[in-house]
Full PDB file with SEQRES, HELIX, SHEET, SSBOND, CRYST1, ORIGX, SCALE, CONECT and MASTER records, all heavy atoms in Angstrom:
SEQRES   1 A   35  ALA LEU ALA ALA ASP GLY VAL ALA GLU THR LEU ASP VAL          
SEQRES   2 A   35  MET TYR GLY GLY LEU PRO PRO TRP GLY ARG PHE ASP PRO          
SEQRES   3 A   35  VAL PRO ARG TYR LEU GLU PHE ARG LEU                          
HELIX    1 AA1 LEU A    2  GLU A    9  1                                   8    
HELIX    2 AA2 THR A   10  MET A   14  3                                   5    
CRYST1    1.000    1.000    1.000  90.00  90.00  90.00 P 1           1          
ORIGX1      1.000000  0.000000  0.000000        0.00000                         
ORIGX2      0.000000  1.000000  0.000000        0.00000                         
ORIGX3      0.000000  0.000000  1.000000        0.00000                         
SCALE1      1.000000  0.000000  0.000000        0.00000                         
SCALE2      0.000000  1.000000  0.000000        0.00000                         
SCALE3      0.000000  0.000000  1.000000        0.00000                         
ATOM      1  N   ALA A   1      33.932  -8.879  40.837  1.00  0.00           N  
ATOM      2  CA  ALA A   1      33.637  -8.940  39.403  1.00  0.00           C  
ATOM      3  C   ALA A   1      32.180  -8.573  39.129  1.00  0.00           C  
ATOM      4  O   ALA A   1      31.873  -7.845  38.176  1.00  0.00           O  
ATOM      5  CB  ALA A   1      33.946 -10.330  38.855  1.00  0.00           C  
ATOM      6  N   LEU A   2      31.266  -9.076  39.962  1.00  0.00           N  
ATOM      7  CA  LEU A   2      29.855  -8.740  39.784  1.00  0.00           C  
ATOM      8  C   LEU A   2      29.622  -7.266  40.072  1.00  0.00           C  
ATOM      9  O   LEU A   2      28.878  -6.590  39.348  1.00  0.00           O  
ATOM     10  CB  LEU A   2      28.991  -9.606  40.696  1.00  0.00           C  
ATOM     11  CG  LEU A   2      27.478  -9.366  40.592  1.00  0.00           C  
ATOM     12  CD1 LEU A   2      26.968  -9.709  39.197  1.00  0.00           C  
ATOM     13  CD2 LEU A   2      26.735 -10.175  41.655  1.00  0.00           C  
ATOM     14  N   ALA A   3      30.249  -6.739  41.115  1.00  0.00           N  
ATOM     15  CA  ALA A   3      30.079  -5.328  41.454  1.00  0.00           C  
ATOM     16  C   ALA A   3      30.621  -4.428  40.356  1.00  0.00           C  
ATOM     17  O   ALA A   3      30.017  -3.394  40.030  1.00  0.00           O  
ATOM     18  CB  ALA A   3      30.761  -5.026  42.778  1.00  0.00           C  
ATOM     19  N   ALA A   4      31.766  -4.790  39.758  1.00  0.00           N  
ATOM     20  CA  ALA A   4      32.321  -3.988  38.665  1.00  0.00           C  
ATOM     21  C   ALA A   4      31.367  -3.957  37.477  1.00  0.00           C  
ATOM     22  O   ALA A   4      31.143  -2.908  36.852  1.00  0.00           O  
ATOM     23  CB  ALA A   4      33.680  -4.538  38.246  1.00  0.00           C  
ATOM     24  N   ASP A   5      30.781  -5.108  37.164  1.00  0.00           N  
ATOM     25  CA  ASP A   5      29.783  -5.154  36.104  1.00  0.00           C  
ATOM     26  C   ASP A   5      28.557  -4.337  36.500  1.00  0.00           C  
ATOM     27  O   ASP A   5      27.912  -3.711  35.653  1.00  0.00           O  
ATOM     28  CB  ASP A   5      29.387  -6.601  35.819  1.00  0.00           C  
ATOM     29  CG  ASP A   5      28.440  -6.733  34.642  1.00  0.00           C  
ATOM     30  OD1 ASP A   5      28.888  -6.585  33.491  1.00  0.00           O  
ATOM     31  OD2 ASP A   5      27.236  -6.969  34.874  1.00  0.00           O  
ATOM     32  N   GLY A   6      28.253  -4.328  37.802  1.00  0.00           N  
ATOM     33  CA  GLY A   6      27.139  -3.528  38.286  1.00  0.00           C  
ATOM     34  C   GLY A   6      27.374  -2.044  38.116  1.00  0.00           C  
ATOM     35  O   GLY A   6      26.452  -1.288  37.784  1.00  0.00           O  
ATOM     36  N   VAL A   7      28.609  -1.590  38.340  1.00  0.00           N  
ATOM     37  CA  VAL A   7      28.937  -0.174  38.102  1.00  0.00           C  
ATOM     38  C   VAL A   7      28.706   0.165  36.635  1.00  0.00           C  
ATOM     39  O   VAL A   7      28.098   1.188  36.295  1.00  0.00           O  
ATOM     40  CB  VAL A   7      30.387   0.131  38.521  1.00  0.00           C  
ATOM     41  CG1 VAL A   7      30.771   1.560  38.127  1.00  0.00           C  
ATOM     42  CG2 VAL A   7      30.570  -0.073  40.027  1.00  0.00           C  
ATOM     43  N   ALA A   8      29.179  -0.715  35.741  1.00  0.00           N  
ATOM     44  CA  ALA A   8      29.002  -0.475  34.303  1.00  0.00           C  
ATOM     45  C   ALA A   8      27.521  -0.437  33.940  1.00  0.00           C  
ATOM     46  O   ALA A   8      27.076   0.449  33.185  1.00  0.00           O  
ATOM     47  CB  ALA A   8      29.714  -1.567  33.506  1.00  0.00           C  
ATOM     48  N   GLU A   9      26.746  -1.376  34.458  1.00  0.00           N  
ATOM     49  CA  GLU A   9      25.321  -1.420  34.124  1.00  0.00           C  
ATOM     50  C   GLU A   9      24.589  -0.204  34.672  1.00  0.00           C  
ATOM     51  O   GLU A   9      23.729   0.381  34.009  1.00  0.00           O  
ATOM     52  CB  GLU A   9      24.694  -2.701  34.674  1.00  0.00           C  
ATOM     53  CG  GLU A   9      23.325  -3.001  34.071  1.00  0.00           C  
ATOM     54  CD  GLU A   9      22.228  -3.252  35.082  1.00  0.00           C  
ATOM     55  OE1 GLU A   9      22.359  -2.807  36.245  1.00  0.00           O  
ATOM     56  OE2 GLU A   9      21.230  -3.876  34.707  1.00  0.00           O  
ATOM     57  N   THR A  10      24.934   0.197  35.889  1.00  0.00           N  
ATOM     58  CA  THR A  10      24.262   1.345  36.497  1.00  0.00           C  
ATOM     59  C   THR A  10      24.531   2.617  35.710  1.00  0.00           C  
ATOM     60  O   THR A  10      23.618   3.412  35.428  1.00  0.00           O  
ATOM     61  CB  THR A  10      24.725   1.512  37.950  1.00  0.00           C  
ATOM     62  OG1 THR A  10      24.512   0.293  38.659  1.00  0.00           O  
ATOM     63  CG2 THR A  10      23.949   2.625  38.639  1.00  0.00           C  
ATOM     64  N   LEU A  11      25.799   2.839  35.327  1.00  0.00           N  
ATOM     65  CA  LEU A  11      26.143   4.041  34.575  1.00  0.00           C  
ATOM     66  C   LEU A  11      25.558   4.024  33.171  1.00  0.00           C  
ATOM     67  O   LEU A  11      25.139   5.063  32.644  1.00  0.00           O  
ATOM     68  CB  LEU A  11      27.670   4.191  34.509  1.00  0.00           C  
ATOM     69  CG  LEU A  11      28.366   4.458  35.846  1.00  0.00           C  
ATOM     70  CD1 LEU A  11      29.890   4.410  35.654  1.00  0.00           C  
ATOM     71  CD2 LEU A  11      27.952   5.811  36.429  1.00  0.00           C  
ATOM     72  N   ASP A  12      25.507   2.846  32.561  1.00  0.00           N  
ATOM     73  CA  ASP A  12      25.070   2.745  31.167  1.00  0.00           C  
ATOM     74  C   ASP A  12      23.559   2.669  31.022  1.00  0.00           C  
ATOM     75  O   ASP A  12      22.973   3.337  30.164  1.00  0.00           O  
ATOM     76  CB  ASP A  12      25.706   1.501  30.536  1.00  0.00           C  
ATOM     77  CG  ASP A  12      25.480   1.430  29.031  1.00  0.00           C  
ATOM     78  OD1 ASP A  12      25.391   2.495  28.385  1.00  0.00           O  
ATOM     79  OD2 ASP A  12      25.409   0.315  28.496  1.00  0.00           O  
ATOM     80  N   VAL A  13      22.909   1.866  31.869  1.00  0.00           N  
ATOM     81  CA  VAL A  13      21.473   1.595  31.702  1.00  0.00           C  
ATOM     82  C   VAL A  13      20.620   2.450  32.627  1.00  0.00           C  
ATOM     83  O   VAL A  13      19.687   3.122  32.184  1.00  0.00           O  
ATOM     84  CB  VAL A  13      21.182   0.095  31.945  1.00  0.00           C  
ATOM     85  CG1 VAL A  13      19.683  -0.179  31.850  1.00  0.00           C  
ATOM     86  CG2 VAL A  13      21.946  -0.766  30.954  1.00  0.00           C  
ATOM     87  N   MET A  14      20.948   2.432  33.926  1.00  0.00           N  
ATOM     88  CA  MET A  14      20.069   3.083  34.894  1.00  0.00           C  
ATOM     89  C   MET A  14      20.191   4.606  34.849  1.00  0.00           C  
ATOM     90  O   MET A  14      19.193   5.317  35.008  1.00  0.00           O  
ATOM     91  CB  MET A  14      20.369   2.564  36.304  1.00  0.00           C  
ATOM     92  CG  MET A  14      20.368   1.039  36.413  1.00  0.00           C  
ATOM     93  SD  MET A  14      18.883   0.216  35.739  1.00  0.00           S  
ATOM     94  CE  MET A  14      17.643   0.743  36.906  1.00  0.00           C  
ATOM     95  N   TYR A  15      21.405   5.114  34.666  1.00  0.00           N  
ATOM     96  CA  TYR A  15      21.596   6.567  34.559  1.00  0.00           C  
ATOM     97  C   TYR A  15      21.786   7.033  33.123  1.00  0.00           C  
ATOM     98  O   TYR A  15      21.455   8.166  32.785  1.00  0.00           O  
ATOM     99  CB  TYR A  15      22.806   7.014  35.394  1.00  0.00           C  
ATOM    100  CG  TYR A  15      22.552   7.026  36.878  1.00  0.00           C  
ATOM    101  CD1 TYR A  15      23.212   6.135  37.725  1.00  0.00           C  
ATOM    102  CD2 TYR A  15      21.656   7.927  37.447  1.00  0.00           C  
ATOM    103  CE1 TYR A  15      22.992   6.148  39.094  1.00  0.00           C  
ATOM    104  CE2 TYR A  15      21.432   7.948  38.818  1.00  0.00           C  
ATOM    105  CZ  TYR A  15      22.107   7.059  39.632  1.00  0.00           C  
ATOM    106  OH  TYR A  15      21.880   7.072  40.989  1.00  0.00           O  
ATOM    107  N   GLY A  16      22.342   6.188  32.281  1.00  0.00           N  
ATOM    108  CA  GLY A  16      22.716   6.620  30.936  1.00  0.00           C  
ATOM    109  C   GLY A  16      21.735   6.268  29.842  1.00  0.00           C  
ATOM    110  O   GLY A  16      22.003   6.527  28.667  1.00  0.00           O  
ATOM    111  N   GLY A  17      20.609   5.674  30.197  1.00  0.00           N  
ATOM    112  CA  GLY A  17      19.627   5.329  29.173  1.00  0.00           C  
ATOM    113  C   GLY A  17      19.079   6.577  28.490  1.00  0.00           C  
ATOM    114  O   GLY A  17      18.806   7.589  29.145  1.00  0.00           O  
ATOM    115  N   LEU A  18      18.922   6.511  27.185  1.00  0.00           N  
ATOM    116  CA  LEU A  18      18.443   7.657  26.411  1.00  0.00           C  
ATOM    117  C   LEU A  18      17.125   7.297  25.741  1.00  0.00           C  
ATOM    118  O   LEU A  18      17.091   6.463  24.833  1.00  0.00           O  
ATOM    119  CB  LEU A  18      19.480   8.052  25.348  1.00  0.00           C  
ATOM    120  CG  LEU A  18      19.180   9.313  24.540  1.00  0.00           C  
ATOM    121  CD1 LEU A  18      19.154  10.542  25.439  1.00  0.00           C  
ATOM    122  CD2 LEU A  18      20.223   9.490  23.426  1.00  0.00           C  
ATOM    123  N   PRO A  19      16.006   7.897  26.169  1.00  0.00           N  
ATOM    124  CA  PRO A  19      14.720   7.582  25.540  1.00  0.00           C  
ATOM    125  C   PRO A  19      14.684   8.085  24.102  1.00  0.00           C  
ATOM    126  O   PRO A  19      15.401   9.035  23.745  1.00  0.00           O  
ATOM    127  CB  PRO A  19      13.709   8.326  26.413  1.00  0.00           C  
ATOM    128  CG  PRO A  19      14.485   9.448  27.031  1.00  0.00           C  
ATOM    129  CD  PRO A  19      15.878   8.909  27.235  1.00  0.00           C  
ATOM    130  N   PRO A  20      13.860   7.474  23.254  1.00  0.00           N  
ATOM    131  CA  PRO A  20      13.839   7.862  21.839  1.00  0.00           C  
ATOM    132  C   PRO A  20      13.403   9.299  21.600  1.00  0.00           C  
ATOM    133  O   PRO A  20      13.702   9.866  20.554  1.00  0.00           O  
ATOM    134  CB  PRO A  20      12.847   6.860  21.219  1.00  0.00           C  
ATOM    135  CG  PRO A  20      12.040   6.333  22.365  1.00  0.00           C  
ATOM    136  CD  PRO A  20      12.944   6.349  23.545  1.00  0.00           C  
ATOM    137  N   TRP A  21      12.730   9.897  22.572  1.00  0.00           N  
ATOM    138  CA  TRP A  21      12.273  11.278  22.397  1.00  0.00           C  
ATOM    139  C   TRP A  21      13.277  12.308  22.921  1.00  0.00           C  
ATOM    140  O   TRP A  21      13.038  13.514  22.846  1.00  0.00           O  
ATOM    141  CB  TRP A  21      10.924  11.485  23.117  1.00  0.00           C  
ATOM    142  CG  TRP A  21      10.904  11.013  24.537  1.00  0.00           C  
ATOM    143  CD1 TRP A  21      10.502   9.799  24.994  1.00  0.00           C  
ATOM    144  CD2 TRP A  21      11.310  11.756  25.700  1.00  0.00           C  
ATOM    145  NE1 TRP A  21      10.635   9.722  26.366  1.00  0.00           N  
ATOM    146  CE2 TRP A  21      11.117  10.914  26.823  1.00  0.00           C  
ATOM    147  CE3 TRP A  21      11.813  13.042  25.902  1.00  0.00           C  
ATOM    148  CZ2 TRP A  21      11.415  11.319  28.121  1.00  0.00           C  
ATOM    149  CZ3 TRP A  21      12.111  13.451  27.195  1.00  0.00           C  
ATOM    150  CH2 TRP A  21      11.913  12.595  28.278  1.00  0.00           C  
ATOM    151  N   GLY A  22      14.415  11.832  23.435  1.00  0.00           N  
ATOM    152  CA  GLY A  22      15.399  12.738  24.021  1.00  0.00           C  
ATOM    153  C   GLY A  22      16.674  12.840  23.202  1.00  0.00           C  
ATOM    154  O   GLY A  22      16.925  12.057  22.287  1.00  0.00           O  
ATOM    155  N   ARG A  23      17.510  13.808  23.568  1.00  0.00           N  
ATOM    156  CA  ARG A  23      18.780  14.040  22.876  1.00  0.00           C  
ATOM    157  C   ARG A  23      19.866  14.301  23.919  1.00  0.00           C  
ATOM    158  O   ARG A  23      19.676  15.065  24.865  1.00  0.00           O  
ATOM    159  CB  ARG A  23      18.643  15.270  21.970  1.00  0.00           C  
ATOM    160  CG  ARG A  23      19.902  15.569  21.130  1.00  0.00           C  
ATOM    161  CD  ARG A  23      19.739  16.838  20.300  1.00  0.00           C  
ATOM    162  NE  ARG A  23      19.846  18.046  21.112  1.00  0.00           N  
ATOM    163  CZ  ARG A  23      18.846  18.879  21.379  1.00  0.00           C  
ATOM    164  NH1 ARG A  23      17.622  18.616  20.919  1.00  0.00           N  
ATOM    165  NH2 ARG A  23      19.026  19.957  22.126  1.00  0.00           N  
ATOM    166  N   PHE A  24      20.999  13.647  23.738  1.00  0.00           N  
ATOM    167  CA  PHE A  24      22.162  13.885  24.593  1.00  0.00           C  
ATOM    168  C   PHE A  24      23.153  14.738  23.837  1.00  0.00           C  
ATOM    169  O   PHE A  24      23.582  14.385  22.732  1.00  0.00           O  
ATOM    170  CB  PHE A  24      22.809  12.554  24.993  1.00  0.00           C  
ATOM    171  CG  PHE A  24      24.084  12.713  25.798  1.00  0.00           C  
ATOM    172  CD1 PHE A  24      24.071  13.322  27.038  1.00  0.00           C  
ATOM    173  CD2 PHE A  24      25.297  12.248  25.294  1.00  0.00           C  
ATOM    174  CE1 PHE A  24      25.236  13.472  27.779  1.00  0.00           C  
ATOM    175  CE2 PHE A  24      26.474  12.377  26.033  1.00  0.00           C  
ATOM    176  CZ  PHE A  24      26.441  12.995  27.277  1.00  0.00           C  
ATOM    177  N   ASP A  25      23.527  15.876  24.401  1.00  0.00           N  
ATOM    178  CA  ASP A  25      24.515  16.771  23.800  1.00  0.00           C  
ATOM    179  C   ASP A  25      25.783  16.714  24.645  1.00  0.00           C  
ATOM    180  O   ASP A  25      25.861  17.313  25.734  1.00  0.00           O  
ATOM    181  CB  ASP A  25      23.984  18.208  23.748  1.00  0.00           C  
ATOM    182  CG  ASP A  25      22.778  18.343  22.826  1.00  0.00           C  
ATOM    183  OD1 ASP A  25      22.863  17.834  21.696  1.00  0.00           O  
ATOM    184  OD2 ASP A  25      21.774  18.950  23.227  1.00  0.00           O  
ATOM    185  N   PRO A  26      26.809  15.975  24.176  1.00  0.00           N  
ATOM    186  CA  PRO A  26      28.021  15.808  24.976  1.00  0.00           C  
ATOM    187  C   PRO A  26      28.921  17.040  24.939  1.00  0.00           C  
ATOM    188  O   PRO A  26      28.874  17.843  24.002  1.00  0.00           O  
ATOM    189  CB  PRO A  26      28.716  14.621  24.301  1.00  0.00           C  
ATOM    190  CG  PRO A  26      28.272  14.703  22.870  1.00  0.00           C  
ATOM    191  CD  PRO A  26      26.868  15.229  22.906  1.00  0.00           C  
ATOM    192  N   VAL A  27      29.714  17.172  25.993  1.00  0.00           N  
ATOM    193  CA  VAL A  27      30.774  18.181  26.040  1.00  0.00           C  
ATOM    194  C   VAL A  27      32.082  17.437  26.286  1.00  0.00           C  
ATOM    195  O   VAL A  27      32.077  16.312  26.777  1.00  0.00           O  
ATOM    196  CB  VAL A  27      30.515  19.222  27.145  1.00  0.00           C  
ATOM    197  CG1 VAL A  27      29.225  20.001  26.873  1.00  0.00           C  
ATOM    198  CG2 VAL A  27      30.461  18.575  28.528  1.00  0.00           C  
ATOM    199  N   PRO A  28      33.232  18.026  25.939  1.00  0.00           N  
ATOM    200  CA  PRO A  28      34.514  17.309  26.069  1.00  0.00           C  
ATOM    201  C   PRO A  28      35.041  17.301  27.504  1.00  0.00           C  
ATOM    202  O   PRO A  28      36.114  17.800  27.818  1.00  0.00           O  
ATOM    203  CB  PRO A  28      35.439  18.088  25.130  1.00  0.00           C  
ATOM    204  CG  PRO A  28      34.887  19.475  25.134  1.00  0.00           C  
ATOM    205  CD  PRO A  28      33.397  19.329  25.249  1.00  0.00           C  
ATOM    206  N   ARG A  29      34.248  16.704  28.404  1.00  0.00           N  
ATOM    207  CA  ARG A  29      34.642  16.566  29.804  1.00  0.00           C  
ATOM    208  C   ARG A  29      34.308  15.139  30.245  1.00  0.00           C  
ATOM    209  O   ARG A  29      33.239  14.609  29.897  1.00  0.00           O  
ATOM    210  CB  ARG A  29      33.921  17.582  30.693  1.00  0.00           C  
ATOM    211  CG  ARG A  29      34.079  19.015  30.225  1.00  0.00           C  
ATOM    212  CD  ARG A  29      33.463  19.978  31.226  1.00  0.00           C  
ATOM    213  NE  ARG A  29      34.335  20.188  32.374  1.00  0.00           N  
ATOM    214  CZ  ARG A  29      33.925  20.688  33.541  1.00  0.00           C  
ATOM    215  NH1 ARG A  29      32.647  20.951  33.724  1.00  0.00           N  
ATOM    216  NH2 ARG A  29      34.777  20.881  34.520  1.00  0.00           N  
ATOM    217  N   TYR A  30      35.217  14.542  31.025  1.00  0.00           N  
ATOM    218  CA  TYR A  30      35.094  13.114  31.337  1.00  0.00           C  
ATOM    219  C   TYR A  30      35.330  12.840  32.822  1.00  0.00           C  
ATOM    220  O   TYR A  30      36.161  13.502  33.467  1.00  0.00           O  
ATOM    221  CB  TYR A  30      36.108  12.310  30.519  1.00  0.00           C  
ATOM    222  CG  TYR A  30      35.905  12.430  29.031  1.00  0.00           C  
ATOM    223  CD1 TYR A  30      36.530  13.437  28.300  1.00  0.00           C  
ATOM    224  CD2 TYR A  30      35.075  11.546  28.345  1.00  0.00           C  
ATOM    225  CE1 TYR A  30      36.336  13.562  26.925  1.00  0.00           C  
ATOM    226  CE2 TYR A  30      34.876  11.654  26.978  1.00  0.00           C  
ATOM    227  CZ  TYR A  30      35.513  12.668  26.278  1.00  0.00           C  
ATOM    228  OH  TYR A  30      35.309  12.776  24.927  1.00  0.00           O  
ATOM    229  N   LEU A  31      34.615  11.837  33.316  1.00  0.00           N  
ATOM    230  CA  LEU A  31      34.853  11.301  34.652  1.00  0.00           C  
ATOM    231  C   LEU A  31      35.352   9.874  34.516  1.00  0.00           C  
ATOM    232  O   LEU A  31      34.806   9.094  33.732  1.00  0.00           O  
ATOM    233  CB  LEU A  31      33.558  11.288  35.469  1.00  0.00           C  
ATOM    234  CG  LEU A  31      33.510  12.240  36.664  1.00  0.00           C  
ATOM    235  CD1 LEU A  31      33.371  13.664  36.153  1.00  0.00           C  
ATOM    236  CD2 LEU A  31      32.374  11.878  37.592  1.00  0.00           C  
ATOM    237  N   GLU A  32      36.356   9.551  35.302  1.00  0.00           N  
ATOM    238  CA  GLU A  32      36.852   8.178  35.377  1.00  0.00           C  
ATOM    239  C   GLU A  32      36.413   7.577  36.710  1.00  0.00           C  
ATOM    240  O   GLU A  32      36.623   8.182  37.766  1.00  0.00           O  
ATOM    241  CB  GLU A  32      38.379   8.145  35.273  1.00  0.00           C  
ATOM    242  CG  GLU A  32      38.972   6.749  35.417  1.00  0.00           C  
ATOM    243  CD  GLU A  32      40.498   6.761  35.503  1.00  0.00           C  
ATOM    244  OE1 GLU A  32      41.095   7.855  35.406  1.00  0.00           O  
ATOM    245  OE2 GLU A  32      41.072   5.677  35.698  1.00  0.00           O  
ATOM    246  N   PHE A  33      35.808   6.392  36.649  1.00  0.00           N  
ATOM    247  CA  PHE A  33      35.489   5.632  37.850  1.00  0.00           C  
ATOM    248  C   PHE A  33      36.528   4.528  37.956  1.00  0.00           C  
ATOM    249  O   PHE A  33      36.497   3.562  37.184  1.00  0.00           O  
ATOM    250  CB  PHE A  33      34.070   5.070  37.775  1.00  0.00           C  
ATOM    251  CG  PHE A  33      32.995   6.122  37.850  1.00  0.00           C  
ATOM    252  CD1 PHE A  33      32.628   6.837  36.719  1.00  0.00           C  
ATOM    253  CD2 PHE A  33      32.374   6.414  39.055  1.00  0.00           C  
ATOM    254  CE1 PHE A  33      31.638   7.818  36.779  1.00  0.00           C  
ATOM    255  CE2 PHE A  33      31.392   7.388  39.127  1.00  0.00           C  
ATOM    256  CZ  PHE A  33      31.016   8.094  37.991  1.00  0.00           C  
ATOM    257  N   ARG A  34      37.461   4.673  38.876  1.00  0.00           N  
ATOM    258  CA  ARG A  34      38.593   3.751  39.001  1.00  0.00           C  
ATOM    259  C   ARG A  34      38.262   2.709  40.075  1.00  0.00           C  
ATOM    260  O   ARG A  34      38.168   3.034  41.259  1.00  0.00           O  
ATOM    261  CB  ARG A  34      39.851   4.537  39.355  1.00  0.00           C  
ATOM    262  CG  ARG A  34      41.150   3.765  39.256  1.00  0.00           C  
ATOM    263  CD  ARG A  34      42.335   4.702  39.459  1.00  0.00           C  
ATOM    264  NE  ARG A  34      42.452   5.693  38.390  1.00  0.00           N  
ATOM    265  CZ  ARG A  34      43.193   6.799  38.464  1.00  0.00           C  
ATOM    266  NH1 ARG A  34      43.897   7.059  39.571  1.00  0.00           N  
ATOM    267  NH2 ARG A  34      43.248   7.637  37.439  1.00  0.00           N  
ATOM    268  N   LEU A  35      38.111   1.440  39.660  1.00  0.00           N  
ATOM    269  CA  LEU A  35      37.699   0.366  40.560  1.00  0.00           C  
ATOM    270  C   LEU A  35      38.945  -0.391  41.014  1.00  0.00           C  
ATOM    271  O   LEU A  35      39.503  -1.205  40.273  1.00  0.00           O  
ATOM    272  CB  LEU A  35      36.717  -0.565  39.842  1.00  0.00           C  
ATOM    273  CG  LEU A  35      35.562   0.134  39.100  1.00  0.00           C  
ATOM    274  CD1 LEU A  35      34.642  -0.894  38.453  1.00  0.00           C  
ATOM    275  CD2 LEU A  35      34.783   1.053  40.020  1.00  0.00           C  
TER     276      LEU A  35                                                      
MASTER        0    0    0    2    0    0    0    6  275    1    0    3          
END                                                                             
């Protein structure tokens, strides 16, 4: 349970953080991380 939350935090905060001076331009492509 802690590791699953860790995957979410790592993807969202550590890799997915967006600084106020930056812009994310998404494309319609997705990855699923299946735990």
